[in-house]
Amino acid sequence: MSPATSTAPASQTLSRGIRILEVLAEARGPLSIDEIAQRLDVHRSVAYRLLRTLEDHGLVERDPAGRVELGARMAALAAGVAHDLQAEALPELTAVAGDLGVTCFLAVLDHDECVTLSSVEPRHAVNPVAQRPGTRHPITRGAPGKAILSLLPEPSWPGDVSAALAAEVRDAAARGFATSHDEVIPSLRAVAVPLAVRGRGPAAVAVVFVASAHSDDEIAARLTESATAIRDALGG
């Protein structure tokens, strides 16, 4: 058996396992094994074997009904990603969530996607919007994506940036914040400010909500305070 032949199945298995974690991170709740198999376009038995391995490592867990969600071990692994950035951001995310009564989160650029690195929900809100770490969407959608794009030179933008989106991003760069409504999840609004820290990739501090008593300008001003505090704590 050649080296190429022996490594191909393992690579495919690893890729599928990673894709399961991405699917679960993107889901708004637990998924059945059949739903996971369908999203991966594999037979149920293949999905089941992959899930058993991930479950053995604590990366996924099943509820009493047998539905699957990310496990606690994932939180420990995620905490190690950009640890100092998350450590400095967490108090600010918590303060914003408390001050504005909305979910506040930190998003970073991952290739052409916007990924939630950490988030905090308001303590006393009724039915707060959940924004799970690991949630991702195209950088061309949503307020955090626009805020991150505003930090990038236009030649490095994805090729599918429309003229309308380009105008929105330029506007966001000029005023210091971006907004969105119904772009990632129906009925939800978001406001985001760019976060540029020397020596790191572009990021954004954002909030997501259904409705708020605060104007977009007020929210953006509060987010800018936190983004500045995070940047200063990490050396500018």
Foldseek 3Di string as FASTA:
>chain_A
DDPVVVCVVVVVLVVLLVVLQLVQLQDPDFAALVVSCVVSVHDSVSSVVSVVVCVVVQQWDADPVRTIHGGPVVVVVLCPVPVLLCVLLVVLLQVLCQVFVAKKFKWFDDQQKIFTSDIDHHDPDDPHDDNGGSHMDGLLWFFFSLQLVLVDDVVSHDPPNDPVSVVQSVVCNVVFKHKDACGSPHQKIKIWGWADAPPDHIMIMMTMGNDTPDDSVVSSVSRVVSSVSSRVVRPD
